[in-house]
C-alpha atoms as a PDB file:
ATOM      1  CA  MET A   1      81.841  95.905 150.022  1.00  0.00           C
ATOM      2  CA  LYS A   2      82.355  99.667 150.372  1.00  0.00           C
ATOM      3  CA  ILE A   3      86.036  99.347 149.425  1.00  0.00           C
ATOM      4  CA  PHE A   4      85.071  97.499 146.241  1.00  0.00           C
ATOM      5  CA  THR A   5      82.511 100.206 145.358  1.00  0.00           C
ATOM      6  CA  VAL A   6      85.041 103.009 145.909  1.00  0.00           C
ATOM      7  CA  ALA A   7      87.636 101.163 143.814  1.00  0.00           C
ATOM      8  CA  ALA A   8      85.114 100.603 141.020  1.00  0.00           C
ATOM      9  CA  ILE A   9      84.150 104.286 141.009  1.00  0.00           C
ATOM     10  CA  MET A  10      87.803 105.339 140.904  1.00  0.00           C
ATOM     11  CA  LEU A  11      88.506 103.016 137.978  1.00  0.00           C
ATOM     12  CA  ALA A  12      85.437 104.188 136.100  1.00  0.00           C
ATOM     13  CA  SER A  13      86.396 107.838 136.494  1.00  0.00           C
ATOM     14  CA  ALA A  14      90.087 107.392 135.642  1.00  0.00           C
ATOM     15  CA  PRO A  15      91.177 108.916 132.328  1.00  0.00           C
ATOM     16  CA  ALA A  16      91.413 106.421 129.479  1.00  0.00           C
ATOM     17  CA  LEU A  17      94.936 105.315 128.718  1.00  0.00           C
ATOM     18  CA  ALA A  18      96.194 105.363 125.160  1.00  0.00           C
ATOM     19  CA  ALA A  19      95.585 102.033 123.503  1.00  0.00           C
ATOM     20  CA  ASP A  20      97.393 100.175 120.783  1.00  0.00           C
ATOM     21  CA  VAL A  21      95.418  98.646 117.934  1.00  0.00           C
ATOM     22  CA  THR A  22      97.046  96.220 115.517  1.00  0.00           C
ATOM     23  CA  ILE A  23      95.624  95.779 112.019  1.00  0.00           C
ATOM     24  CA  LYS A  24      96.987  93.028 109.806  1.00  0.00           C
ATOM     25  CA  MET A  25      97.261  93.420 106.039  1.00  0.00           C
ATOM     26  CA  LEU A  26      95.923  90.130 104.684  1.00  0.00           C
ATOM     27  CA  ASN A  27      95.798  88.306 101.376  1.00  0.00           C
ATOM     28  CA  LYS A  28      92.803  86.403 102.753  1.00  0.00           C
ATOM     29  CA  ASP A  29      90.909  86.481 106.056  1.00  0.00           C
ATOM     30  CA  ALA A  30      89.307  83.584 107.960  1.00  0.00           C
ATOM     31  CA  ASP A  31      86.020  84.143 106.087  1.00  0.00           C
ATOM     32  CA  GLY A  32      87.731  83.852 102.683  1.00  0.00           C
ATOM     33  CA  ASN A  33      87.611  87.561 101.843  1.00  0.00           C
ATOM     34  CA  LYS A  34      90.619  88.453  99.712  1.00  0.00           C
ATOM     35  CA  MET A  35      92.893  91.494 100.002  1.00  0.00           C
ATOM     36  CA  VAL A  36      91.571  92.937 103.258  1.00  0.00           C
ATOM     37  CA  TYR A  37      92.691  94.551 106.473  1.00  0.00           C
ATOM     38  CA  SER A  38      91.932  92.456 109.556  1.00  0.00           C
ATOM     39  CA  GLN A  39      89.923  95.346 110.976  1.00  0.00           C
ATOM     40  CA  GLU A  40      88.192  97.528 108.395  1.00  0.00           C
ATOM     41  CA  ILE A  41      86.823 100.015 110.935  1.00  0.00           C
ATOM     42  CA  ALA A  42      89.049 100.778 113.902  1.00  0.00           C
ATOM     43  CA  ARG A  43      87.699 102.987 116.685  1.00  0.00           C
ATOM     44  CA  VAL A  44      90.354 104.643 118.826  1.00  0.00           C
ATOM     45  CA  ASP A  45      90.685 107.546 121.245  1.00  0.00           C
ATOM     46  CA  VAL A  46      92.770 110.647 120.649  1.00  0.00           C
ATOM     47  CA  GLY A  47      96.377 109.732 121.400  1.00  0.00           C
ATOM     48  CA  ASP A  48      95.942 106.051 120.555  1.00  0.00           C
ATOM     49  CA  THR A  49      98.302 104.272 118.185  1.00  0.00           C
ATOM     50  CA  VAL A  50      97.437 102.017 115.267  1.00  0.00           C
ATOM     51  CA  THR A  51     100.039  99.587 113.950  1.00  0.00           C
ATOM     52  CA  TRP A  52      99.545  98.050 110.516  1.00  0.00           C
ATOM     53  CA  VAL A  53     101.408  94.775 110.083  1.00  0.00           C
ATOM     54  CA  PRO A  54     101.893  93.217 106.638  1.00  0.00           C
ATOM     55  CA  THR A  55     101.510  89.459 106.456  1.00  0.00           C
ATOM     56  CA  THR A  56     103.142  89.383 103.007  1.00  0.00           C
ATOM     57  CA  LYS A  57     105.402  91.727 101.040  1.00  0.00           C
ATOM     58  CA  GLY A  58     102.788  93.220  98.715  1.00  0.00           C
ATOM     59  CA  HIS A  59     100.746  95.399 101.096  1.00  0.00           C
ATOM     60  CA  ASN A  60     101.000  98.945 102.415  1.00  0.00           C
ATOM     61  CA  VAL A  61      98.955 101.786 103.914  1.00  0.00           C
ATOM     62  CA  GLU A  62      98.248 105.026 102.069  1.00  0.00           C
ATOM     63  CA  MET A  63      96.115 107.717 103.714  1.00  0.00           C
ATOM     64  CA  ILE A  64      93.542 109.041 101.247  1.00  0.00           C
ATOM     65  CA  ALA A  65      91.469 111.442 103.360  1.00  0.00           C
ATOM     66  CA  SER A  66      91.583 112.687 106.938  1.00  0.00           C
ATOM     67  CA  PRO A  67      90.457 115.617 109.070  1.00  0.00           C
ATOM     68  CA  ASN A  68      93.970 117.086 109.072  1.00  0.00           C
ATOM     69  CA  GLY A  69      95.210 116.318 105.551  1.00  0.00           C
ATOM     70  CA  MET A  70      97.614 113.661 106.848  1.00  0.00           C
ATOM     71  CA  LYS A  71     100.169 112.577 104.255  1.00  0.00           C
ATOM     72  CA  LEU A  72     101.100 108.951 104.747  1.00  0.00           C
ATOM     73  CA  LYS A  73     102.257 106.198 102.437  1.00  0.00           C
ATOM     74  CA  SER A  74     104.175 103.253 103.819  1.00  0.00           C
ATOM     75  CA  LYS A  75     106.533 101.100 101.816  1.00  0.00           C
ATOM     76  CA  ASN A  76     105.200  97.744 100.617  1.00  0.00           C
ATOM     77  CA  GLY A  77     105.782  94.974 103.115  1.00  0.00           C
ATOM     78  CA  LYS A  78     106.759  97.332 105.943  1.00  0.00           C
ATOM     79  CA  GLU A  79     105.062  97.742 109.307  1.00  0.00           C
ATOM     80  CA  ILE A  80     103.862 101.265 110.074  1.00  0.00           C
ATOM     81  CA  GLN A  81     102.705 102.835 113.311  1.00  0.00           C
ATOM     82  CA  VAL A  82     100.637 106.029 113.613  1.00  0.00           C
ATOM     83  CA  SER A  83      99.465 107.915 116.699  1.00  0.00           C
ATOM     84  CA  PHE A  84      96.228 109.796 116.079  1.00  0.00           C
ATOM     85  CA  GLU A  85      96.098 113.211 117.735  1.00  0.00           C
ATOM     86  CA  GLU A  86      93.142 114.784 115.917  1.00  0.00           C
ATOM     87  CA  PRO A  87      89.546 113.496 116.114  1.00  0.00           C
ATOM     88  CA  GLY A  88      87.722 112.467 112.953  1.00  0.00           C
ATOM     89  CA  ILE A  89      87.548 109.764 110.312  1.00  0.00           C
ATOM     90  CA  TYR A  90      90.727 108.661 108.535  1.00  0.00           C
ATOM     91  CA  TYR A  91      90.336 106.736 105.248  1.00  0.00           C
ATOM     92  CA  TYR A  92      93.185 104.645 103.878  1.00  0.00           C
ATOM     93  CA  TRP A  93      93.884 101.901 101.364  1.00  0.00           C
ATOM     94  CA  CYS A  94      96.510  99.431 100.223  1.00  0.00           C
ATOM     95  CA  THR A  95      97.928 101.114  97.128  1.00  0.00           C
ATOM     96  CA  PRO A  96      98.413  97.915  95.067  1.00  0.00           C
ATOM     97  CA  HIS A  97      95.011  96.470  96.031  1.00  0.00           C
ATOM     98  CA  LYS A  98      92.741  99.515  96.267  1.00  0.00           C
ATOM     99  CA  GLY A  99      90.747  98.428  93.205  1.00  0.00           C
ATOM    100  CA  MET A 100      90.088  95.097  94.910  1.00  0.00           C
ATOM    101  CA  GLY A 101      88.523  96.887  97.885  1.00  0.00           C
ATOM    102  CA  MET A 102      91.418  96.769 100.350  1.00  0.00           C
ATOM    103  CA  ILE A 103      90.438  99.869 102.321  1.00  0.00           C
ATOM    104  CA  GLY A 104      89.833 100.822 105.929  1.00  0.00           C
ATOM    105  CA  LEU A 105      88.719 103.575 108.281  1.00  0.00           C
ATOM    106  CA  VAL A 106      90.045 104.772 111.614  1.00  0.00           C
ATOM    107  CA  VAL A 107      87.506 106.713 113.689  1.00  0.00           C
ATOM    108  CA  VAL A 108      89.290 108.823 116.285  1.00  0.00           C
ATOM    109  CA  GLY A 109      87.519 110.076 119.382  1.00  0.00           C
ATOM    110  CA  GLY A 110      84.093 109.042 118.071  1.00  0.00           C
ATOM    111  CA  ASP A 111      84.105 112.187 115.894  1.00  0.00           C
ATOM    112  CA  MET A 112      82.386 111.676 112.545  1.00  0.00           C
ATOM    113  CA  SER A 113      82.032 115.329 111.578  1.00  0.00           C
ATOM    114  CA  ASN A 114      84.072 114.796 108.391  1.00  0.00           C
ATOM    115  CA  LYS A 115      81.965 111.832 107.194  1.00  0.00           C
ATOM    116  CA  ASN A 116      80.653 113.740 104.147  1.00  0.00           C
ATOM    117  CA  GLU A 117      84.186 114.618 103.055  1.00  0.00           C
ATOM    118  CA  ILE A 118      85.241 110.980 103.404  1.00  0.00           C
ATOM    119  CA  ALA A 119      82.204 109.905 101.340  1.00  0.00           C
ATOM    120  CA  LYS A 120      83.415 112.187  98.507  1.00  0.00           C
ATOM    121  CA  ALA A 121      87.016 110.958  98.664  1.00  0.00           C
ATOM    122  CA  LYS A 122      88.678 109.051  95.864  1.00  0.00           C
ATOM    123  CA  ALA A 123      87.711 105.387  95.501  1.00  0.00           C
ATOM    124  CA  MET A 124      88.033 102.954  92.620  1.00  0.00           C
ATOM    125  CA  GLY A 125      86.850  99.519  91.634  1.00  0.00           C
ATOM    126  CA  LYS A 126      85.432  97.534  94.555  1.00  0.00           C
ATOM    127  CA  SER A 127      86.553 100.288  96.938  1.00  0.00           C
ATOM    128  CA  LYS A 128      83.639 102.516  95.865  1.00  0.00           C
ATOM    129  CA  LYS A 129      80.980 100.088  97.069  1.00  0.00           C
ATOM    130  CA  LYS A 130      82.964  99.087 100.147  1.00  0.00           C
ATOM    131  CA  LEU A 131      83.538 102.708 101.238  1.00  0.00           C
ATOM    132  CA  LYS A 132      79.778 103.339 101.096  1.00  0.00           C
ATOM    133  CA  LYS A 133      79.170 100.207 103.195  1.00  0.00           C
ATOM    134  CA  LEU A 134      81.820 101.087 105.786  1.00  0.00           C
ATOM    135  CA  LEU A 135      80.442 104.624 106.161  1.00  0.00           C
ATOM    136  CA  ALA A 136      76.918 103.234 106.532  1.00  0.00           C
ATOM    137  CA  ASP A 137      78.190 100.912 109.287  1.00  0.00           C
ATOM    138  CA  LEU A 138      79.540 103.831 111.365  1.00  0.00           C
END
Protein backbone atom coordinates (compact mmCIF):
# COMPACT_ATOMS: atom_id res chain seq x y z
CA MET A 1 0.00 0.00 0.00
CA LYS A 2 2.87 2.38 0.80
CA ILE A 3 4.42 1.82 -2.64
CA PHE A 4 1.12 2.76 -4.29
CA THR A 5 0.88 5.94 -2.17
CA VAL A 6 4.45 6.98 -3.02
CA ALA A 7 3.82 6.32 -6.73
CA ALA A 8 0.59 8.34 -6.63
CA ILE A 9 2.35 11.26 -4.94
CA MET A 10 5.16 11.17 -7.50
CA LEU A 11 2.69 11.18 -10.39
CA ALA A 12 0.68 14.00 -8.88
CA SER A 13 3.77 16.16 -8.41
CA ALA A 14 5.29 15.45 -11.84
CA PRO A 15 5.31 18.40 -14.24
CA ALA A 16 2.49 18.35 -16.78
CA LEU A 17 3.53 17.14 -20.19
CA ALA A 18 2.60 19.13 -23.26
CA ALA A 19 -0.69 17.92 -24.66
CA ASP A 20 -2.10 17.85 -28.14
CA VAL A 21 -5.64 19.06 -28.75
CA THR A 22 -7.37 18.43 -32.06
CA ILE A 23 -10.20 20.71 -33.19
CA LYS A 24 -12.20 19.78 -36.26
CA MET A 25 -13.61 22.40 -38.62
CA LEU A 26 -17.16 21.21 -39.28
CA ASN A 27 -20.00 22.03 -41.64
CA LYS A 28 -22.34 20.53 -39.04
CA ASP A 29 -21.83 18.95 -35.61
CA ALA A 30 -23.71 16.04 -34.02
CA ASP A 31 -26.24 18.47 -32.50
CA GLY A 32 -27.05 20.00 -35.91
CA ASN A 33 -25.17 23.26 -35.35
CA LYS A 34 -23.83 24.51 -38.67
CA MET A 35 -20.39 25.96 -39.42
CA VAL A 36 -18.69 25.26 -36.10
CA TYR A 37 -15.43 24.10 -34.60
CA SER A 38 -15.73 20.80 -32.73
CA GLN A 39 -14.41 22.50 -29.60
CA GLU A 40 -15.31 26.17 -29.26
CA ILE A 41 -13.33 26.70 -26.06
CA ALA A 42 -10.07 24.80 -25.77
CA ARG A 43 -8.13 24.97 -22.51
CA VAL A 44 -4.44 24.13 -22.81
CA ASP A 45 -1.23 24.61 -20.85
CA VAL A 46 1.71 26.71 -21.98
CA GLY A 47 3.66 24.66 -24.50
CA ASP A 48 0.65 22.63 -25.64
CA THR A 49 -0.21 22.26 -29.31
CA VAL A 50 -3.57 22.70 -30.99
CA THR A 51 -4.19 21.12 -34.38
CA TRP A 52 -7.13 22.32 -36.46
CA VAL A 53 -8.30 19.75 -38.99
CA PRO A 54 -10.67 20.70 -41.83
CA THR A 55 -13.37 18.18 -42.63
CA THR A 56 -14.11 19.92 -45.95
CA LYS A 57 -12.21 22.31 -48.22
CA GLY A 58 -13.96 25.54 -47.24
CA HIS A 59 -12.65 26.11 -43.70
CA ASN A 60 -9.61 27.78 -42.17
CA VAL A 61 -8.31 29.41 -38.98
CA GLU A 62 -7.57 33.12 -38.70
CA MET A 63 -6.34 34.56 -35.40
CA ILE A 64 -8.24 37.75 -34.57
CA ALA A 65 -6.94 38.67 -31.11
CA SER A 66 -4.35 37.26 -28.74
CA PRO A 67 -2.13 38.31 -25.84
CA ASN A 68 0.91 38.49 -28.12
CA GLY A 69 -0.53 39.87 -31.36
CA MET A 70 -0.15 36.50 -33.10
CA LYS A 71 -0.56 36.72 -36.87
CA LEU A 72 -2.06 33.54 -38.24
CA LYS A 73 -4.23 32.72 -41.21
CA SER A 74 -4.28 29.21 -42.61
CA LYS A 75 -5.20 28.33 -46.16
CA ASN A 76 -8.72 27.00 -46.74
CA GLY A 77 -8.92 23.24 -46.42
CA LYS A 78 -5.46 22.90 -44.85
CA GLU A 79 -4.59 21.48 -41.45
CA ILE A 80 -2.70 23.85 -39.16
CA GLN A 81 -0.83 23.22 -35.94
CA VAL A 82 0.10 25.87 -33.35
CA SER A 83 2.09 25.56 -30.13
CA PHE A 84 1.03 28.14 -27.55
CA GLU A 85 3.93 29.60 -25.57
CA GLU A 86 2.27 32.65 -24.00
CA PRO A 87 -0.62 32.50 -21.50
CA GLY A 88 -3.90 34.23 -22.27
CA ILE A 89 -7.00 34.00 -24.43
CA TYR A 90 -6.65 33.53 -28.19
CA TYR A 91 -9.70 34.33 -30.36
CA TYR A 92 -9.98 32.97 -33.88
CA TRP A 93 -12.52 32.40 -36.63
CA CYS A 94 -13.06 30.67 -39.95
CA THR A 95 -12.64 33.51 -42.44
CA PRO A 96 -15.38 32.38 -44.87
CA HIS A 97 -17.88 31.58 -42.10
CA LYS A 98 -17.19 34.22 -39.44
CA GLY A 99 -20.56 35.89 -40.04
CA MET A 100 -22.25 32.54 -39.39
CA GLY A 101 -20.61 32.34 -35.96
CA MET A 102 -17.75 29.95 -36.71
CA ILE A 103 -15.42 31.19 -33.98
CA GLY A 104 -13.43 29.73 -31.12
CA LEU A 105 -11.21 30.50 -28.15
CA VAL A 106 -8.04 28.91 -26.85
CA VAL A 107 -7.33 29.64 -23.18
CA VAL A 108 -3.66 29.06 -22.42
CA GLY A 109 -2.42 28.44 -18.90
CA GLY A 110 -5.78 29.39 -17.36
CA ASP A 111 -4.83 33.06 -17.85
CA MET A 112 -7.81 35.27 -18.68
CA SER A 113 -6.17 38.63 -18.03
CA ASN A 114 -6.82 39.76 -21.62
CA LYS A 115 -10.55 38.91 -21.52
CA ASN A 116 -11.61 42.57 -21.84
CA GLU A 117 -9.45 43.01 -24.94
CA ILE A 118 -10.96 39.88 -26.49
CA ALA A 119 -14.47 41.19 -25.70
CA LYS A 120 -13.66 44.35 -27.71
CA ALA A 121 -12.20 42.44 -30.67
CA LYS A 122 -13.77 42.43 -34.10
CA ALA A 123 -16.86 40.24 -34.55
CA MET A 124 -19.60 40.23 -37.15
CA GLY A 125 -22.98 38.67 -37.74
CA LYS A 126 -23.67 35.72 -35.44
CA SER A 127 -20.10 35.91 -34.14
CA LYS A 128 -20.95 38.95 -31.99
CA LYS A 129 -23.51 37.09 -29.89
CA LYS A 130 -21.46 33.90 -29.82
CA LEU A 131 -18.29 35.69 -28.66
CA LYS A 132 -20.22 37.18 -25.73
CA LYS A 133 -21.56 33.72 -24.83
CA LEU A 134 -18.15 32.04 -25.06
CA LEU A 135 -16.55 34.71 -22.87
CA ALA A 136 -19.37 34.36 -20.34
CA ASP A 137 -18.75 30.59 -20.26
CA LEU A 138 -15.07 31.04 -19.28
